[in-house]
Protein backbone atom coordinates (compact mmCIF):
# COMPACT_ATOMS: atom_id res chain seq x y z
CA LEU A 1 -0.03 -0.03 -0.01
CA ASN A 2 1.20 3.45 -0.74
CA ILE A 3 -0.54 6.25 1.18
CA LYS A 4 2.56 8.33 1.84
CA LYS A 5 0.77 11.41 0.52
CA GLY A 6 -2.81 12.66 0.69
CA TYR A 7 -4.20 10.20 3.32
CA SER A 8 -4.07 10.62 7.06
CA ASP A 9 -6.92 8.35 8.28
CA VAL A 10 -7.39 4.68 7.60
CA THR A 11 -10.40 2.64 8.70
CA ILE A 12 -9.99 -1.13 8.58
CA PRO A 13 -13.34 -2.77 7.60
CA SER A 14 -14.77 -5.21 10.13
CA SER A 15 -14.56 -8.06 7.54
CA VAL A 16 -10.74 -7.91 7.46
CA GLU A 17 -9.28 -10.88 9.34
CA SER A 18 -5.54 -10.07 9.23
CA ILE A 19 -3.16 -7.20 8.44
CA GLY A 20 -0.07 -8.56 6.76
CA TYR A 21 3.63 -8.15 7.25
CA SER A 22 4.69 -4.47 6.68
CA ALA A 23 1.27 -3.71 5.23
CA PHE A 24 1.37 0.02 6.00
CA SER A 25 5.07 0.35 6.81
CA GLY A 26 6.53 3.70 5.80
CA CYS A 27 3.18 5.39 5.22
CA THR A 28 4.45 8.68 6.64
CA GLY A 29 1.23 10.63 6.15
CA LEU A 30 -0.82 8.30 8.30
CA THR A 31 -2.00 9.77 11.60
CA ASN A 32 -5.07 7.75 12.61
CA VAL A 33 -5.94 4.00 12.30
CA THR A 34 -9.38 2.73 13.28
CA ILE A 35 -10.57 -0.85 13.40
CA GLU A 36 -14.34 -0.99 12.96
CA ASP A 37 -16.52 -2.26 15.79
CA ASN A 38 -17.20 -6.03 15.95
CA SER A 39 -14.20 -6.61 13.77
CA ASP A 40 -13.11 -10.05 12.57
CA LEU A 41 -9.46 -8.97 12.78
CA THR A 42 -7.38 -11.46 14.73
CA SER A 43 -3.85 -10.91 13.46
CA ILE A 44 -1.49 -7.98 12.85
CA GLY A 45 1.75 -9.00 11.12
CA SER A 46 5.26 -7.80 12.05
CA TYR A 47 6.15 -4.22 11.17
CA ALA A 48 2.65 -3.62 9.88
CA PHE A 49 2.70 0.16 10.78
CA MET A 50 6.47 0.59 11.39
CA GLY A 51 7.76 3.92 10.19
CA CYS A 52 4.40 5.63 10.08
CA PHE A 53 6.05 8.53 11.89
CA ARG A 54 2.93 10.67 12.30
CA LEU A 55 0.68 7.91 13.55
CA ASN A 56 -0.59 9.02 16.94
CA SER A 57 -4.15 7.56 17.25
CA ILE A 58 -5.00 3.84 17.21
CA THR A 59 -8.37 2.20 17.83
CA ILE A 60 -7.98 -1.51 17.81
CA SER A 61 -9.93 -4.77 17.88
CA ASN A 62 -10.36 -6.69 21.10
CA ASN A 63 -10.31 -9.99 19.24
CA LEU A 64 -6.58 -10.18 18.38
CA THR A 65 -4.81 -13.46 18.94
CA TYR A 66 -1.50 -12.46 17.27
CA ILE A 67 0.59 -9.30 17.16
CA GLY A 68 3.98 -9.55 15.43
CA VAL A 69 7.24 -7.84 16.09
CA GLY A 70 7.66 -4.08 15.88
CA VAL A 71 4.12 -3.39 14.61
CA PHE A 72 4.12 0.30 15.78
CA ASP A 73 7.89 0.95 15.95
CA TRP A 74 8.98 4.43 14.77
CA THR A 75 5.59 5.95 15.24
CA ASP A 76 4.52 9.01 17.29
CA TRP A 77 2.19 6.76 19.26
CA ILE A 78 5.07 4.69 20.54
CA TYR A 79 7.33 7.65 21.18
CA LEU A 80 4.68 9.45 23.25
CA GLN A 81 4.08 6.53 25.64
CA PRO A 82 5.39 7.17 29.21
CA ASP A 83 8.20 5.17 30.83
CA GLY A 84 7.13 1.71 31.84
CA ILE A 85 5.15 -1.06 30.14
CA ILE A 86 3.31 -0.12 26.93
CA TYR A 87 -0.26 -1.43 26.61
CA LEU A 88 -2.89 -1.10 23.86
CA GLY A 89 -6.11 -2.45 25.28
CA PRO A 90 -5.58 -6.01 26.50
CA TYR A 91 -2.28 -6.27 24.60
CA CYS A 92 1.21 -5.68 25.92
CA LEU A 93 3.49 -4.21 23.17
CA GLY A 94 6.72 -3.35 24.89
CA HIS A 95 8.27 -0.87 27.27
CA HIS A 96 10.21 2.36 27.71
CA GLY A 97 13.08 2.53 30.22
CA ALA A 98 14.89 -0.13 32.24
CA LEU A 99 12.94 -2.65 34.29
CA THR A 100 14.22 -5.05 36.88
CA THR A 101 10.93 -6.74 37.78
CA LEU A 102 8.46 -7.04 34.99
CA SER A 103 4.90 -7.29 36.25
CA ILE A 104 2.24 -7.46 33.56
CA LYS A 105 -1.15 -6.12 34.61
CA GLU A 106 -4.19 -8.26 35.17
CA GLY A 107 -6.40 -8.65 32.14
CA THR A 108 -3.55 -8.66 29.64
CA ARG A 109 -4.20 -11.42 27.08
CA LEU A 110 -1.32 -11.16 24.62
CA ILE A 111 2.37 -10.23 24.71
CA ALA A 112 3.42 -8.98 21.28
CA GLY A 113 6.42 -10.30 19.35
CA GLY A 114 9.70 -8.76 20.41
CA ALA A 115 8.04 -6.87 23.25
CA PHE A 116 10.94 -7.16 25.68
CA SER A 117 13.65 -8.42 23.37
CA SER A 118 17.21 -7.72 24.64
CA ALA A 119 15.87 -6.09 27.88
CA SER A 120 18.93 -7.25 29.84
CA SER A 121 17.92 -5.43 33.05
CA ILE A 122 14.90 -7.68 33.59
CA LYS A 123 15.55 -10.32 36.23
CA THR A 124 12.05 -11.46 37.19
CA ILE A 125 8.79 -11.74 35.13
CA ASN A 126 5.35 -11.93 36.75
CA LEU A 127 2.53 -12.76 34.39
CA PRO A 128 -1.19 -12.76 35.20
CA ASN A 129 -3.39 -15.77 34.65
CA SER A 130 -5.07 -13.97 31.70
CA VAL A 131 -2.16 -14.16 29.25
CA THR A 132 -2.77 -16.79 26.52
CA PHE A 133 -0.19 -15.88 23.94
CA MET A 134 3.51 -15.00 24.03
CA GLY A 135 4.76 -13.70 20.70
CA GLU A 136 7.98 -14.63 18.90
CA SER A 137 11.11 -13.27 20.49
CA ALA A 138 8.98 -11.72 23.25
CA PHE A 139 11.82 -12.13 25.74
CA TYR A 140 14.67 -12.97 23.41
CA ASN A 141 18.12 -12.27 24.79
CA CYS A 142 16.93 -11.14 28.23
CA ASP A 143 20.27 -12.42 29.54
CA GLY A 144 19.67 -11.12 33.05
CA LEU A 145 16.43 -13.00 33.48
CA THR A 146 16.54 -15.58 36.26
CA TYR A 147 12.88 -16.32 36.98
CA VAL A 148 9.62 -16.56 35.08
CA ASP A 149 6.42 -18.27 36.08
CA ILE A 150 4.43 -19.06 32.93
CA PRO A 151 0.73 -19.06 33.98
CA GLU A 152 -1.65 -21.91 33.32
CA SER A 153 -3.64 -19.67 30.97
CA VAL A 154 -0.90 -19.69 28.29
CA THR A 155 -1.61 -21.77 25.19
CA VAL A 156 1.09 -20.54 22.78
CA ILE A 157 4.78 -19.81 23.35
CA GLY A 158 6.14 -18.23 20.20
CA GLU A 159 9.37 -18.98 18.31
CA SER A 160 12.50 -17.83 20.12
CA ALA A 161 10.30 -16.42 22.91
CA PHE A 162 12.97 -17.09 25.57
CA ALA A 163 15.95 -17.81 23.34
CA SER A 164 19.35 -16.71 24.67
CA CYS A 165 18.08 -16.17 28.24
CA ASP A 166 21.23 -17.47 29.82
CA GLY A 167 20.28 -16.75 33.36
CA LEU A 168 17.24 -19.11 33.37
CA THR A 169 17.99 -22.33 35.22
CA HIS A 170 14.55 -23.88 35.29
CA ILE A 171 11.26 -23.48 33.45
CA THR A 172 7.80 -25.00 33.76
CA ILE A 173 5.71 -25.54 30.66
CA PRO A 174 2.11 -25.44 31.94
CA GLU A 175 -0.61 -27.91 31.09
CA ASN A 176 -2.64 -25.82 28.63
CA VAL A 177 0.18 -25.04 26.23
CA VAL A 178 -0.64 -26.56 22.83
CA GLU A 179 2.05 -24.92 20.71
CA ILE A 180 5.68 -24.06 21.25
CA GLY A 181 7.52 -22.30 18.44
CA TYR A 182 10.92 -23.38 17.24
CA TYR A 183 13.99 -22.15 19.17
CA ALA A 184 11.58 -21.05 22.00
CA PHE A 185 14.26 -21.89 24.60
CA SER A 186 17.30 -22.20 22.41
CA LYS A 187 20.76 -21.14 23.58
CA CYS A 188 19.65 -20.90 27.21
CA LEU A 189 23.04 -21.96 28.52
CA GLY A 190 22.09 -21.94 32.15
CA LEU A 191 18.92 -23.98 31.69
CA ASN A 192 19.16 -27.33 33.50
CA THR A 193 15.61 -28.25 34.52
CA VAL A 194 12.40 -28.32 32.45
CA ALA A 195 9.09 -29.36 33.98
CA PHE A 196 6.99 -30.28 30.95
CA ASN A 197 3.29 -30.48 31.89
CA ALA A 198 1.78 -29.76 28.48
CA LYS A 199 0.31 -33.19 27.83
CA ASN A 200 -1.81 -31.92 24.86
CA CYS A 201 0.91 -29.98 23.16
CA HIS A 202 0.65 -30.81 19.43
CA THR A 203 3.29 -28.55 17.93
CA MET A 204 6.89 -28.25 19.10
CA GLY A 205 9.38 -26.51 16.82
CA ARG A 206 10.02 -27.58 13.28
CA LYS A 207 12.22 -30.13 11.54
CA TYR A 208 15.84 -29.33 12.40
CA ARG A 209 14.64 -26.39 14.55
CA SER A 210 14.36 -27.76 18.05
CA VAL A 211 12.60 -25.91 20.92
CA PHE A 212 15.72 -26.39 23.07
CA TYR A 213 18.34 -26.10 20.33
CA LYS A 214 21.82 -25.45 21.71
CA SER A 215 20.69 -25.50 25.36
CA PRO A 216 23.21 -28.16 26.23
CA ASN A 217 22.94 -28.27 30.06
CA ILE A 218 19.40 -29.65 30.50
CA THR A 219 19.72 -32.70 32.69
CA ASN A 220 16.22 -32.96 34.08
CA MET A 221 13.06 -32.98 32.00
C-alpha cells in the first residue's frame, strides 16, 4: 500500500481478518488508524505500521490473537508513551526505560512479538493468569532473566520467545500449552531443569529447529 501522501486516516473494515507483514510500513502521512466495531481482525503481522512517523491515534480490535514484532515501531504513538510497560487495550506491546521486575497487569491477554527483546535489566517476570499468547522473540536475549512463572492460561509460546536467556536455570511448561515455536528456549546456556506439563501440546518446533536447540545443560526434563 502506498498512502505516503494525501491520506491521514485509515479505517480497517470489520470483515478484514488479518493485516499482513509491513502492510502500512513507511506510510508517513498516516495519523489515525481505526478498526471498525465487531471486527473479525485477529492478526497483525510484524512491522505492519512501522515507520508511520505521524501515527498518533490507534483504535484496535479486542479479538486479536496475534501481534507480530515491531508493529508500531517508529511511530509518534510509541514515542509518546510514558516510561514503563506499553499497553494497547488488553495487549502488551513493549516498554520504555529499564525494568528489573516485569509485572504485567491483570487482564492482559497477549504479549506482542519482540516486546521485551534484549531487555537485559529484567531479572524477574510476573505474568497474570489472563495471558494466553507469548509472541515470537517476546523475551529474546533477556540475559539477566533468572525467573519466570508461565501461567496456566498460556496456550502458545512463540518461536524464540525465551531464546538466549542465559540466566534461566529452570522453566515449567504449563498444562494448557498446545504450541511451542521453534527455538523457543534455544541457547539458554544456564537452563538445566524443564518441567513439561503440556500433555496436549501438538506442535513443538520444526524439523531441524528444536525448541531447546543449543541448550546443552538440560539434565532434568
